[in-house]
Amino acid sequence: MNQSCSRRGFYFCVINMLLLLLAVTSQLTPDFYKLSCPNVSKIVRREVQKALMNEMRMGASLLRLHFHDCFVNGCDGSILLDGGDDAEKSAIPNLNSARGYDIVDTIKSSVESECSGVVSCADILAIAARDSVFLSGGPSWKVLLGRRDGTVSNGTLANEALPSPFDPLDTIISKFTNQGLNLTDVVSLSGAHTIGRARCTLFSNRLFNFSGTGAADSTLDTGMLSDLQSLCPQNGDGNVTTVLDRNSSDLFDNHYFNNLLNGKGLLSSDQILFSSDGANSTTKHLVQNYSNDSGLFSLDFANSMIKMGNINLKTGTDGEIRKNCRLINS
């Protein structure tokens, strides 16, 4: 192992090797803006750091924007477009839920001040997602760049393509498979819920009459159930939020998987990775592995983020470089 690998650790050397292999087949490169906007990564990092200092939860929100962008029309910044009822912002998975658009506006403005019309909004989302993870205590990776922005925002497709907290495990796996992602990607990317918060409306179905049983979800820890029933009473305010990773809410680590082992996953789509009947032969062993090995989780998460960032790319003359992330160029 060379000195560089010794210094940075084995797992992150492996990440860099995987990145090099992926770059061979990808149309993106880590140094795409080396000449046209050499300080773009520094600018994005500075603005993300400021946003997290103001509100630590924003890291999870920026990470989620990249995820929700890539699953609809590919990683093309389409989630950022303002529009009517069929815009992605108005889709059920995003309405009153996706956030951080103003932070992206701030980042874009700072980038435009230094190199106008060069850096895509899609690439800004990819860099901001990486920085949000790293500044929350998680792994880093070289972001592949060179995406161009799409001109169509498709709310109907967002409703169909984005995984839902209410989906059964086979549906979640299918939605990932449709994007060219595998089981490892399902579980590792679900680990993004080690940071952030969720609204009562996204998990209250587990608290009182789960699947019409007249009782709470039996896979939910009883102590956590009691707390959540107090926080989210029947007919209460569905917009009240709580942390996704109980007892480790702002640190990007593998604690999320420890919670799944103990019935403390907040969303049904979290807990089924370990507790559903189908999990025995698919995702359960990955949850166990990540709970025991934080380095393995960091490695797989970084690799899955790189893979996700390559979904349905727009490069070359396809798409555009938006001047304003909310609007297509006139």
C-alpha atoms as a PDB file:
ATOM      1  CA  MET A   1       0.000   0.000   0.000  1.00  0.00           C
ATOM      2  CA  ASN A   2       1.471   3.401  -0.931  1.00  0.00           C
ATOM      3  CA  GLN A   3       2.012   6.302   1.477  1.00  0.00           C
ATOM      4  CA  SER A   4      -1.085   8.108   0.242  1.00  0.00           C
ATOM      5  CA  CYS A   5      -3.230   5.078   1.045  1.00  0.00           C
ATOM      6  CA  SER A   6      -1.644   4.752   4.460  1.00  0.00           C
ATOM      7  CA  ARG A   7      -2.370   8.358   5.211  1.00  0.00           C
ATOM      8  CA  ARG A   8      -5.998   8.468   4.155  1.00  0.00           C
ATOM      9  CA  GLY A   9      -7.014   4.964   5.087  1.00  0.00           C
ATOM     10  CA  PHE A  10      -7.743   1.835   3.159  1.00  0.00           C
ATOM     11  CA  TYR A  11     -11.454   2.413   2.565  1.00  0.00           C
ATOM     12  CA  PHE A  12     -10.978   5.784   0.917  1.00  0.00           C
ATOM     13  CA  CYS A  13      -8.194   4.497  -1.302  1.00  0.00           C
ATOM     14  CA  VAL A  14     -10.671   1.898  -2.518  1.00  0.00           C
ATOM     15  CA  ILE A  15     -13.214   4.673  -3.165  1.00  0.00           C
ATOM     16  CA  ASN A  16     -10.679   6.501  -5.331  1.00  0.00           C
ATOM     17  CA  MET A  17      -9.894   3.322  -7.271  1.00  0.00           C
ATOM     18  CA  LEU A  18     -13.605   2.736  -7.866  1.00  0.00           C
ATOM     19  CA  LEU A  19     -13.935   6.351  -8.968  1.00  0.00           C
ATOM     20  CA  LEU A  20     -11.177   5.914 -11.530  1.00  0.00           C
ATOM     21  CA  LEU A  21     -12.828   2.760 -12.873  1.00  0.00           C
ATOM     22  CA  LEU A  22     -16.197   4.515 -13.117  1.00  0.00           C
ATOM     23  CA  ALA A  23     -14.663   7.542 -14.829  1.00  0.00           C
ATOM     24  CA  VAL A  24     -13.477   5.298 -17.660  1.00  0.00           C
ATOM     25  CA  THR A  25     -17.089   4.551 -18.636  1.00  0.00           C
ATOM     26  CA  SER A  26     -18.660   7.801 -17.450  1.00  0.00           C
ATOM     27  CA  GLN A  27     -18.908  10.960 -19.496  1.00  0.00           C
ATOM     28  CA  LEU A  28     -18.087  12.945 -16.355  1.00  0.00           C
ATOM     29  CA  THR A  29     -14.665  13.805 -14.933  1.00  0.00           C
ATOM     30  CA  PRO A  30     -13.572  15.052 -11.491  1.00  0.00           C
ATOM     31  CA  ASP A  31     -11.621  17.962 -13.034  1.00  0.00           C
ATOM     32  CA  PHE A  32     -14.246  19.137 -15.546  1.00  0.00           C
ATOM     33  CA  TYR A  33     -14.054  22.762 -14.323  1.00  0.00           C
ATOM     34  CA  LYS A  34     -10.268  22.822 -13.819  1.00  0.00           C
ATOM     35  CA  LEU A  35      -9.831  25.592 -16.386  1.00  0.00           C
ATOM     36  CA  SER A  36     -13.294  27.141 -16.689  1.00  0.00           C
ATOM     37  CA  CYS A  37     -14.127  27.491 -12.966  1.00  0.00           C
ATOM     38  CA  PRO A  38     -11.239  26.179 -10.836  1.00  0.00           C
ATOM     39  CA  ASN A  39     -12.666  27.407  -7.514  1.00  0.00           C
ATOM     40  CA  VAL A  40     -16.144  25.946  -7.858  1.00  0.00           C
ATOM     41  CA  SER A  41     -15.618  23.267  -5.203  1.00  0.00           C
ATOM     42  CA  LYS A  42     -14.271  25.805  -2.729  1.00  0.00           C
ATOM     43  CA  ILE A  43     -17.226  28.101  -3.352  1.00  0.00           C
ATOM     44  CA  VAL A  44     -19.789  25.346  -2.865  1.00  0.00           C
ATOM     45  CA  ARG A  45     -18.035  24.049   0.270  1.00  0.00           C
ATOM     46  CA  ARG A  46     -18.004  27.548   1.774  1.00  0.00           C
ATOM     47  CA  GLU A  47     -21.711  28.114   1.196  1.00  0.00           C
ATOM     48  CA  VAL A  48     -22.720  24.641   2.420  1.00  0.00           C
ATOM     49  CA  GLN A  49     -20.635  25.156   5.550  1.00  0.00           C
ATOM     50  CA  LYS A  50     -22.391  28.458   6.223  1.00  0.00           C
ATOM     51  CA  ALA A  51     -25.781  26.820   5.700  1.00  0.00           C
ATOM     52  CA  LEU A  52     -24.989  24.007   8.144  1.00  0.00           C
ATOM     53  CA  MET A  53     -23.697  26.445  10.737  1.00  0.00           C
ATOM     54  CA  ASN A  54     -27.064  28.184  10.544  1.00  0.00           C
ATOM     55  CA  GLU A  55     -29.084  24.926  10.557  1.00  0.00           C
ATOM     56  CA  MET A  56     -27.420  21.535  10.789  1.00  0.00           C
ATOM     57  CA  ARG A  57     -30.479  19.824   9.293  1.00  0.00           C
ATOM     58  CA  MET A  58     -29.779  21.561   5.982  1.00  0.00           C
ATOM     59  CA  GLY A  59     -27.111  18.978   5.192  1.00  0.00           C
ATOM     60  CA  ALA A  60     -29.759  16.275   5.002  1.00  0.00           C
ATOM     61  CA  SER A  61     -31.992  18.528   2.918  1.00  0.00           C
ATOM     62  CA  LEU A  62     -29.301  19.242   0.317  1.00  0.00           C
ATOM     63  CA  LEU A  63     -28.403  15.551   0.143  1.00  0.00           C
ATOM     64  CA  ARG A  64     -32.061  14.692  -0.411  1.00  0.00           C
ATOM     65  CA  LEU A  65     -32.394  17.234  -3.228  1.00  0.00           C
ATOM     66  CA  HIS A  66     -29.637  15.463  -5.167  1.00  0.00           C
ATOM     67  CA  PHE A  67     -31.267  12.069  -4.568  1.00  0.00           C
ATOM     68  CA  HIS A  68     -34.731  13.270  -5.619  1.00  0.00           C
ATOM     69  CA  ASP A  69     -33.254  15.019  -8.642  1.00  0.00           C
ATOM     70  CA  CYS A  70     -31.397  11.958  -9.942  1.00  0.00           C
ATOM     71  CA  PHE A  71     -34.385   9.598  -9.693  1.00  0.00           C
ATOM     72  CA  VAL A  72     -36.490  11.795 -12.020  1.00  0.00           C
ATOM     73  CA  ASN A  73     -35.153  12.426 -15.540  1.00  0.00           C
ATOM     74  CA  GLY A  74     -31.636  11.737 -14.253  1.00  0.00           C
ATOM     75  CA  CYS A  75     -29.295  14.119 -12.429  1.00  0.00           C
ATOM     76  CA  ASP A  76     -30.224  17.234 -14.379  1.00  0.00           C
ATOM     77  CA  GLY A  77     -31.320  19.798 -11.782  1.00  0.00           C
ATOM     78  CA  SER A  78     -34.964  19.405 -12.825  1.00  0.00           C
ATOM     79  CA  ILE A  79     -36.160  19.331  -9.199  1.00  0.00           C
ATOM     80  CA  LEU A  80     -35.029  22.956  -8.867  1.00  0.00           C
ATOM     81  CA  LEU A  81     -37.317  24.285 -11.619  1.00  0.00           C
ATOM     82  CA  ASP A  82     -40.296  26.374 -10.580  1.00  0.00           C
ATOM     83  CA  GLY A  83     -43.496  25.533 -12.397  1.00  0.00           C
ATOM     84  CA  GLY A  84     -47.130  24.557 -12.212  1.00  0.00           C
ATOM     85  CA  ASP A  85     -48.947  21.589 -10.754  1.00  0.00           C
ATOM     86  CA  ASP A  86     -46.843  19.089 -12.676  1.00  0.00           C
ATOM     87  CA  ALA A  87     -43.463  20.442 -11.569  1.00  0.00           C
ATOM     88  CA  GLU A  88     -41.345  18.086  -9.468  1.00  0.00           C
ATOM     89  CA  LYS A  89     -41.534  20.562  -6.596  1.00  0.00           C
ATOM     90  CA  SER A  90     -45.300  19.980  -6.504  1.00  0.00           C
ATOM     91  CA  ALA A  91     -45.057  16.174  -6.564  1.00  0.00           C
ATOM     92  CA  ILE A  92     -46.215  14.334  -3.432  1.00  0.00           C
ATOM     93  CA  PRO A  93     -42.693  13.249  -2.347  1.00  0.00           C
ATOM     94  CA  ASN A  94     -41.462  16.858  -2.544  1.00  0.00           C
ATOM     95  CA  LEU A  95     -44.396  19.134  -1.709  1.00  0.00           C
ATOM     96  CA  ASN A  96     -43.998  20.646   1.774  1.00  0.00           C
ATOM     97  CA  SER A  97     -41.068  18.292   2.210  1.00  0.00           C
ATOM     98  CA  ALA A  98     -38.124  18.965  -0.115  1.00  0.00           C
ATOM     99  CA  ARG A  99     -36.253  22.052   1.048  1.00  0.00           C
ATOM    100  CA  GLY A 100     -32.988  23.927   0.641  1.00  0.00           C
ATOM    101  CA  TYR A 101     -33.854  25.602  -2.657  1.00  0.00           C
ATOM    102  CA  ASP A 102     -32.813  28.980  -1.265  1.00  0.00           C
ATOM    103  CA  ILE A 103     -29.409  27.585  -0.289  1.00  0.00           C
ATOM    104  CA  VAL A 104     -28.926  26.298  -3.844  1.00  0.00           C
ATOM    105  CA  ASP A 105     -29.849  29.784  -5.104  1.00  0.00           C
ATOM    106  CA  THR A 106     -27.168  31.273  -2.851  1.00  0.00           C
ATOM    107  CA  ILE A 107     -24.553  28.785  -4.025  1.00  0.00           C
ATOM    108  CA  LYS A 108     -25.454  29.369  -7.671  1.00  0.00           C
ATOM    109  CA  SER A 109     -25.213  33.142  -7.221  1.00  0.00           C
ATOM    110  CA  SER A 110     -21.758  32.832  -5.657  1.00  0.00           C
ATOM    111  CA  VAL A 111     -20.578  30.528  -8.452  1.00  0.00           C
ATOM    112  CA  GLU A 112     -22.011  32.812 -11.141  1.00  0.00           C
ATOM    113  CA  SER A 113     -20.150  35.769  -9.628  1.00  0.00           C
ATOM    114  CA  GLU A 114     -16.859  34.007 -10.292  1.00  0.00           C
ATOM    115  CA  CYS A 115     -17.577  32.132 -13.534  1.00  0.00           C
ATOM    116  CA  SER A 116     -20.832  33.051 -15.215  1.00  0.00           C
ATOM    117  CA  GLY A 117     -22.694  30.517 -17.337  1.00  0.00           C
ATOM    118  CA  VAL A 118     -20.222  27.701 -16.732  1.00  0.00           C
ATOM    119  CA  VAL A 119     -21.339  25.466 -13.851  1.00  0.00           C
ATOM    120  CA  SER A 120     -24.632  23.578 -14.070  1.00  0.00           C
ATOM    121  CA  CYS A 121     -27.182  23.493 -11.275  1.00  0.00           C
ATOM    122  CA  ALA A 122     -27.049  19.689 -11.473  1.00  0.00           C
ATOM    123  CA  ASP A 123     -23.330  19.714 -10.695  1.00  0.00           C
ATOM    124  CA  ILE A 124     -23.890  22.152  -7.839  1.00  0.00           C
ATOM    125  CA  LEU A 125     -26.375  19.689  -6.317  1.00  0.00           C
ATOM    126  CA  ALA A 126     -23.855  16.857  -6.633  1.00  0.00           C
ATOM    127  CA  ILE A 127     -21.060  18.829  -4.953  1.00  0.00           C
ATOM    128  CA  ALA A 128     -23.365  20.179  -2.245  1.00  0.00           C
ATOM    129  CA  ALA A 129     -24.570  16.641  -1.445  1.00  0.00           C
ATOM    130  CA  ARG A 130     -20.987  15.413  -1.008  1.00  0.00           C
ATOM    131  CA  ASP A 131     -20.077  18.401   1.160  1.00  0.00           C
ATOM    132  CA  SER A 132     -23.222  17.980   3.266  1.00  0.00           C
ATOM    133  CA  VAL A 133     -22.203  14.409   4.075  1.00  0.00           C
ATOM    134  CA  PHE A 134     -18.568  15.275   4.787  1.00  0.00           C
ATOM    135  CA  LEU A 135     -19.370  18.312   6.950  1.00  0.00           C
ATOM    136  CA  SER A 136     -21.800  16.139   8.937  1.00  0.00           C
ATOM    137  CA  GLY A 137     -18.990  13.735   9.809  1.00  0.00           C
ATOM    138  CA  GLY A 138     -19.366  11.293   6.928  1.00  0.00           C
ATOM    139  CA  PRO A 139     -17.080  10.198   4.084  1.00  0.00           C
ATOM    140  CA  SER A 140     -15.878  12.319   1.203  1.00  0.00           C
ATOM    141  CA  TRP A 141     -15.336  11.392  -2.434  1.00  0.00           C
ATOM    142  CA  LYS A 142     -14.293  13.054  -5.667  1.00  0.00           C
ATOM    143  CA  VAL A 143     -17.457  14.206  -7.386  1.00  0.00           C
ATOM    144  CA  LEU A 144     -17.577  13.492 -11.105  1.00  0.00           C
ATOM    145  CA  LEU A 145     -18.645  16.644 -12.963  1.00  0.00           C
ATOM    146  CA  GLY A 146     -19.847  17.790 -16.357  1.00  0.00           C
ATOM    147  CA  ARG A 147     -23.631  17.362 -16.072  1.00  0.00           C
ATOM    148  CA  ARG A 148     -25.871  19.769 -17.939  1.00  0.00           C
ATOM    149  CA  ASP A 149     -29.257  21.005 -16.760  1.00  0.00           C
ATOM    150  CA  GLY A 150     -32.537  19.666 -18.084  1.00  0.00           C
ATOM    151  CA  THR A 151     -35.368  21.863 -19.288  1.00  0.00           C
ATOM    152  CA  VAL A 152     -38.316  19.685 -18.217  1.00  0.00           C
ATOM    153  CA  SER A 153     -39.670  19.141 -14.706  1.00  0.00           C
ATOM    154  CA  ASN A 154     -41.964  16.111 -14.474  1.00  0.00           C
ATOM    155  CA  GLY A 155     -44.062  15.874 -11.333  1.00  0.00           C
ATOM    156  CA  THR A 156     -46.005  12.869 -12.604  1.00  0.00           C
ATOM    157  CA  LEU A 157     -42.787  10.921 -13.049  1.00  0.00           C
ATOM    158  CA  ALA A 158     -41.594  12.025  -9.595  1.00  0.00           C
ATOM    159  CA  ASN A 159     -44.721  10.501  -8.043  1.00  0.00           C
ATOM    160  CA  GLU A 160     -44.023   7.230  -9.844  1.00  0.00           C
ATOM    161  CA  ALA A 161     -40.233   6.953  -9.595  1.00  0.00           C
ATOM    162  CA  LEU A 162     -39.352   8.193  -6.118  1.00  0.00           C
ATOM    163  CA  PRO A 163     -39.424   5.610  -3.303  1.00  0.00           C
ATOM    164  CA  SER A 164     -42.143   6.268  -0.733  1.00  0.00           C
ATOM    165  CA  PRO A 165     -41.986   5.701   3.047  1.00  0.00           C
ATOM    166  CA  PHE A 166     -45.112   3.582   2.571  1.00  0.00           C
ATOM    167  CA  ASP A 167     -43.747   1.321  -0.182  1.00  0.00           C
ATOM    168  CA  PRO A 168     -43.192  -2.391   0.500  1.00  0.00           C
ATOM    169  CA  LEU A 169     -39.631  -3.621   0.200  1.00  0.00           C
ATOM    170  CA  ASP A 170     -40.018  -5.192  -3.231  1.00  0.00           C
ATOM    171  CA  THR A 171     -41.377  -1.906  -4.620  1.00  0.00           C
ATOM    172  CA  ILE A 172     -38.466   0.073  -3.169  1.00  0.00           C
ATOM    173  CA  ILE A 173     -35.990  -2.396  -4.652  1.00  0.00           C
ATOM    174  CA  SER A 174     -37.763  -2.190  -8.016  1.00  0.00           C
ATOM    175  CA  LYS A 175     -37.572   1.606  -8.061  1.00  0.00           C
ATOM    176  CA  PHE A 176     -33.830   1.450  -7.436  1.00  0.00           C
ATOM    177  CA  THR A 177     -33.382  -1.273 -10.047  1.00  0.00           C
ATOM    178  CA  ASN A 178     -35.174   0.924 -12.573  1.00  0.00           C
ATOM    179  CA  GLN A 179     -32.375   3.459 -12.091  1.00  0.00           C
ATOM    180  CA  GLY A 180     -29.620   0.896 -12.573  1.00  0.00           C
ATOM    181  CA  LEU A 181     -28.954   0.573  -8.840  1.00  0.00           C
ATOM    182  CA  ASN A 182     -28.683  -2.669  -6.877  1.00  0.00           C
ATOM    183  CA  LEU A 183     -29.444  -3.996  -3.392  1.00  0.00           C
ATOM    184  CA  THR A 184     -26.239  -2.616  -1.922  1.00  0.00           C
ATOM    185  CA  ASP A 185     -27.254   0.807  -3.227  1.00  0.00           C
ATOM    186  CA  VAL A 186     -30.736   0.446  -1.681  1.00  0.00           C
ATOM    187  CA  VAL A 187     -29.363  -0.174   1.802  1.00  0.00           C
ATOM    188  CA  SER A 188     -26.328   2.104   1.705  1.00  0.00           C
ATOM    189  CA  LEU A 189     -28.270   5.077   0.310  1.00  0.00           C
ATOM    190  CA  SER A 190     -31.037   4.477   2.866  1.00  0.00           C
ATOM    191  CA  GLY A 191     -28.267   5.127   5.376  1.00  0.00           C
ATOM    192  CA  ALA A 192     -28.534   8.798   4.399  1.00  0.00           C
ATOM    193  CA  HIS A 193     -31.295   8.809   7.029  1.00  0.00           C
ATOM    194  CA  THR A 194     -28.548   8.911   9.627  1.00  0.00           C
ATOM    195  CA  ILE A 195     -29.121  12.680   9.413  1.00  0.00           C
ATOM    196  CA  GLY A 196     -32.256  14.761   8.965  1.00  0.00           C
ATOM    197  CA  ARG A 197     -35.840  14.797  10.169  1.00  0.00           C
ATOM    198  CA  ALA A 198     -39.238  13.521   8.991  1.00  0.00           C
ATOM    199  CA  ARG A 199     -42.793  14.776   9.426  1.00  0.00           C
ATOM    200  CA  CYS A 200     -45.407  12.906  11.460  1.00  0.00           C
ATOM    201  CA  THR A 201     -47.483  12.391   8.322  1.00  0.00           C
ATOM    202  CA  LEU A 202     -44.738  10.119   6.943  1.00  0.00           C
ATOM    203  CA  PHE A 203     -44.773   7.636   9.823  1.00  0.00           C
ATOM    204  CA  SER A 204     -47.996   8.171  11.824  1.00  0.00           C
ATOM    205  CA  ASN A 205     -49.525   5.211   9.942  1.00  0.00           C
ATOM    206  CA  ARG A 206     -47.282   2.999  12.106  1.00  0.00           C
ATOM    207  CA  LEU A 207     -48.489   4.389  15.422  1.00  0.00           C
ATOM    208  CA  PHE A 208     -52.175   3.524  15.849  1.00  0.00           C
ATOM    209  CA  ASN A 209     -53.769   1.412  13.124  1.00  0.00           C
ATOM    210  CA  PHE A 210     -50.958  -0.081  11.097  1.00  0.00           C
ATOM    211  CA  SER A 211     -52.210  -1.727   7.879  1.00  0.00           C
ATOM    212  CA  GLY A 212     -55.737  -1.860   9.340  1.00  0.00           C
ATOM    213  CA  THR A 213     -54.727  -4.076  12.269  1.00  0.00           C
ATOM    214  CA  GLY A 214     -56.112  -1.683  14.895  1.00  0.00           C
ATOM    215  CA  ALA A 215     -52.712  -1.718  16.579  1.00  0.00           C
ATOM    216  CA  ALA A 216     -49.308  -0.128  16.120  1.00  0.00           C
ATOM    217  CA  ASP A 217     -46.588  -1.580  13.898  1.00  0.00           C
ATOM    218  CA  SER A 218     -45.250  -4.536  15.885  1.00  0.00           C
ATOM    219  CA  THR A 219     -41.706  -3.986  14.591  1.00  0.00           C
ATOM    220  CA  LEU A 220     -41.493  -0.573  16.318  1.00  0.00           C
ATOM    221  CA  ASP A 221     -39.697  -0.419  19.683  1.00  0.00           C
ATOM    222  CA  THR A 222     -42.292   0.104  22.444  1.00  0.00           C
ATOM    223  CA  GLY A 223     -40.446   2.966  24.120  1.00  0.00           C
ATOM    224  CA  MET A 224     -40.036   4.781  20.833  1.00  0.00           C
ATOM    225  CA  LEU A 225     -43.675   4.057  19.988  1.00  0.00           C
ATOM    226  CA  SER A 226     -44.849   5.764  23.176  1.00  0.00           C
ATOM    227  CA  ASP A 227     -42.719   8.828  22.467  1.00  0.00           C
ATOM    228  CA  LEU A 228     -43.968   9.085  18.894  1.00  0.00           C
ATOM    229  CA  GLN A 229     -47.613   8.667  19.890  1.00  0.00           C
ATOM    230  CA  SER A 230     -47.201  11.646  22.223  1.00  0.00           C
ATOM    231  CA  LEU A 231     -45.464  13.685  19.537  1.00  0.00           C
ATOM    232  CA  CYS A 232     -47.884  12.724  16.766  1.00  0.00           C
ATOM    233  CA  PRO A 233     -51.352  12.108  18.277  1.00  0.00           C
ATOM    234  CA  GLN A 234     -54.194  11.010  16.053  1.00  0.00           C
ATOM    235  CA  ASN A 235     -55.614  14.010  14.166  1.00  0.00           C
ATOM    236  CA  GLY A 236     -52.580  16.050  15.273  1.00  0.00           C
ATOM    237  CA  ASP A 237     -50.359  18.329  13.188  1.00  0.00           C
ATOM    238  CA  GLY A 238     -48.824  16.134  10.503  1.00  0.00           C
ATOM    239  CA  ASN A 239     -46.057  18.659   9.856  1.00  0.00           C
ATOM    240  CA  VAL A 240     -44.427  18.214  13.278  1.00  0.00           C
ATOM    241  CA  THR A 241     -40.991  16.659  12.773  1.00  0.00           C
ATOM    242  CA  THR A 242     -38.656  14.343  14.633  1.00  0.00           C
ATOM    243  CA  VAL A 243     -35.186  12.980  13.939  1.00  0.00           C
ATOM    244  CA  LEU A 244     -34.718  10.082  11.549  1.00  0.00           C
ATOM    245  CA  ASP A 245     -31.779   8.637  13.495  1.00  0.00           C
ATOM    246  CA  ARG A 246     -32.805   8.483  17.140  1.00  0.00           C
ATOM    247  CA  ASN A 247     -29.932   9.375  19.522  1.00  0.00           C
ATOM    248  CA  SER A 248     -27.560  10.347  16.698  1.00  0.00           C
ATOM    249  CA  SER A 249     -29.484  12.941  14.762  1.00  0.00           C
ATOM    250  CA  ASP A 250     -26.853  15.254  13.266  1.00  0.00           C
ATOM    251  CA  LEU A 251     -23.826  12.982  12.879  1.00  0.00           C
ATOM    252  CA  PHE A 252     -23.382  11.050   9.655  1.00  0.00           C
ATOM    253  CA  ASP A 253     -22.467   7.606  10.977  1.00  0.00           C
ATOM    254  CA  ASN A 254     -23.666   3.989  10.983  1.00  0.00           C
ATOM    255  CA  HIS A 255     -25.917   4.447  14.042  1.00  0.00           C
ATOM    256  CA  TYR A 256     -28.975   4.374  11.752  1.00  0.00           C
ATOM    257  CA  PHE A 257     -28.333   0.664  11.144  1.00  0.00           C
ATOM    258  CA  ASN A 258     -27.950  -0.040  14.860  1.00  0.00           C
ATOM    259  CA  ASN A 259     -31.396   1.469  15.314  1.00  0.00           C
ATOM    260  CA  LEU A 260     -32.851  -0.873  12.696  1.00  0.00           C
ATOM    261  CA  LEU A 261     -31.497  -3.869  14.614  1.00  0.00           C
ATOM    262  CA  ASN A 262     -33.386  -2.617  17.678  1.00  0.00           C
ATOM    263  CA  GLY A 263     -36.722  -1.728  16.045  1.00  0.00           C
ATOM    264  CA  LYS A 264     -35.983   1.999  16.108  1.00  0.00           C
ATOM    265  CA  GLY A 265     -36.195   2.835  12.430  1.00  0.00           C
ATOM    266  CA  LEU A 266     -38.533   5.816  12.088  1.00  0.00           C
ATOM    267  CA  LEU A 267     -40.053   5.258   8.664  1.00  0.00           C
ATOM    268  CA  SER A 268     -41.617   1.986   7.614  1.00  0.00           C
ATOM    269  CA  SER A 269     -39.293   2.034   4.595  1.00  0.00           C
ATOM    270  CA  ASP A 270     -36.336   2.152   7.002  1.00  0.00           C
ATOM    271  CA  GLN A 271     -37.395  -0.659   9.320  1.00  0.00           C
ATOM    272  CA  ILE A 272     -38.434  -3.055   6.556  1.00  0.00           C
ATOM    273  CA  LEU A 273     -34.810  -3.231   5.430  1.00  0.00           C
ATOM    274  CA  PHE A 274     -34.279  -5.404   8.493  1.00  0.00           C
ATOM    275  CA  SER A 275     -37.694  -6.542   9.740  1.00  0.00           C
ATOM    276  CA  SER A 276     -39.793  -7.449   6.710  1.00  0.00           C
ATOM    277  CA  ASP A 277     -40.177 -11.072   5.631  1.00  0.00           C
ATOM    278  CA  GLY A 278     -38.434 -10.280   2.368  1.00  0.00           C
ATOM    279  CA  ALA A 279     -35.442  -8.758   4.139  1.00  0.00           C
ATOM    280  CA  ASN A 280     -34.130 -12.145   5.270  1.00  0.00           C
ATOM    281  CA  SER A 281     -32.684 -12.995   1.885  1.00  0.00           C
ATOM    282  CA  THR A 282     -32.008  -9.503   0.557  1.00  0.00           C
ATOM    283  CA  THR A 283     -31.250  -6.499   2.724  1.00  0.00           C
ATOM    284  CA  LYS A 284     -31.034  -7.824   6.293  1.00  0.00           C
ATOM    285  CA  HIS A 285     -27.437  -8.993   6.067  1.00  0.00           C
ATOM    286  CA  LEU A 286     -26.358  -5.615   4.670  1.00  0.00           C
ATOM    287  CA  VAL A 287     -27.975  -3.820   7.615  1.00  0.00           C
ATOM    288  CA  GLN A 288     -26.106  -6.135   9.971  1.00  0.00           C
ATOM    289  CA  ASN A 289     -22.816  -5.645   8.143  1.00  0.00           C
ATOM    290  CA  TYR A 290     -23.101  -1.847   8.190  1.00  0.00           C
ATOM    291  CA  SER A 291     -24.044  -1.800  11.867  1.00  0.00           C
ATOM    292  CA  ASN A 292     -20.832  -3.717  12.614  1.00  0.00           C
ATOM    293  CA  ASP A 293     -18.502  -1.904  10.233  1.00  0.00           C
ATOM    294  CA  SER A 294     -18.750   1.862   9.833  1.00  0.00           C
ATOM    295  CA  GLY A 295     -15.900   1.853   7.314  1.00  0.00           C
ATOM    296  CA  LEU A 296     -17.753  -0.554   5.057  1.00  0.00           C
ATOM    297  CA  PHE A 297     -20.835   1.655   5.212  1.00  0.00           C
ATOM    298  CA  SER A 298     -18.765   4.736   4.325  1.00  0.00           C
ATOM    299  CA  LEU A 299     -17.176   2.914   1.400  1.00  0.00           C
ATOM    300  CA  ASP A 300     -20.443   1.582  -0.005  1.00  0.00           C
ATOM    301  CA  PHE A 301     -22.299   4.847   0.554  1.00  0.00           C
ATOM    302  CA  ALA A 302     -19.683   6.882  -1.311  1.00  0.00           C
ATOM    303  CA  ASN A 303     -19.621   4.393  -4.171  1.00  0.00           C
ATOM    304  CA  SER A 304     -23.434   4.365  -4.374  1.00  0.00           C
ATOM    305  CA  MET A 305     -23.515   8.173  -4.455  1.00  0.00           C
ATOM    306  CA  ILE A 306     -21.092   8.157  -7.376  1.00  0.00           C
ATOM    307  CA  LYS A 307     -23.244   5.576  -9.185  1.00  0.00           C
ATOM    308  CA  MET A 308     -26.424   7.520  -8.478  1.00  0.00           C
ATOM    309  CA  GLY A 309     -24.815  10.694  -9.797  1.00  0.00           C
ATOM    310  CA  ASN A 310     -24.399   8.982 -13.185  1.00  0.00           C
ATOM    311  CA  ILE A 311     -28.096   8.262 -13.781  1.00  0.00           C
ATOM    312  CA  ASN A 312     -29.337   9.380 -17.228  1.00  0.00           C
ATOM    313  CA  LEU A 313     -26.685  12.015 -17.821  1.00  0.00           C
ATOM    314  CA  LYS A 314     -27.093  15.104 -19.965  1.00  0.00           C
ATOM    315  CA  THR A 315     -23.698  16.138 -21.316  1.00  0.00           C
ATOM    316  CA  GLY A 316     -22.159  17.794 -24.339  1.00  0.00           C
ATOM    317  CA  THR A 317     -24.847  19.718 -26.198  1.00  0.00           C
ATOM    318  CA  ASP A 318     -27.763  18.059 -24.403  1.00  0.00           C
ATOM    319  CA  GLY A 319     -29.543  20.365 -21.969  1.00  0.00           C
ATOM    320  CA  GLU A 320     -28.160  23.736 -20.919  1.00  0.00           C
ATOM    321  CA  ILE A 321     -26.250  25.580 -18.206  1.00  0.00           C
ATOM    322  CA  ARG A 322     -28.973  27.465 -16.366  1.00  0.00           C
ATOM    323  CA  LYS A 323     -28.225  30.998 -15.227  1.00  0.00           C
ATOM    324  CA  ASN A 324     -30.980  30.687 -12.626  1.00  0.00           C
ATOM    325  CA  CYS A 325     -31.576  27.235 -11.172  1.00  0.00           C
ATOM    326  CA  ARG A 326     -35.311  27.911 -10.880  1.00  0.00           C
ATOM    327  CA  LEU A 327     -35.848  28.824 -14.542  1.00  0.00           C
ATOM    328  CA  ILE A 328     -34.809  27.526 -17.945  1.00  0.00           C
ATOM    329  CA  ASN A 329     -32.768  30.002 -19.995  1.00  0.00           C
ATOM    330  CA  SER A 330     -34.865  32.272 -22.188  1.00  0.00           C
END
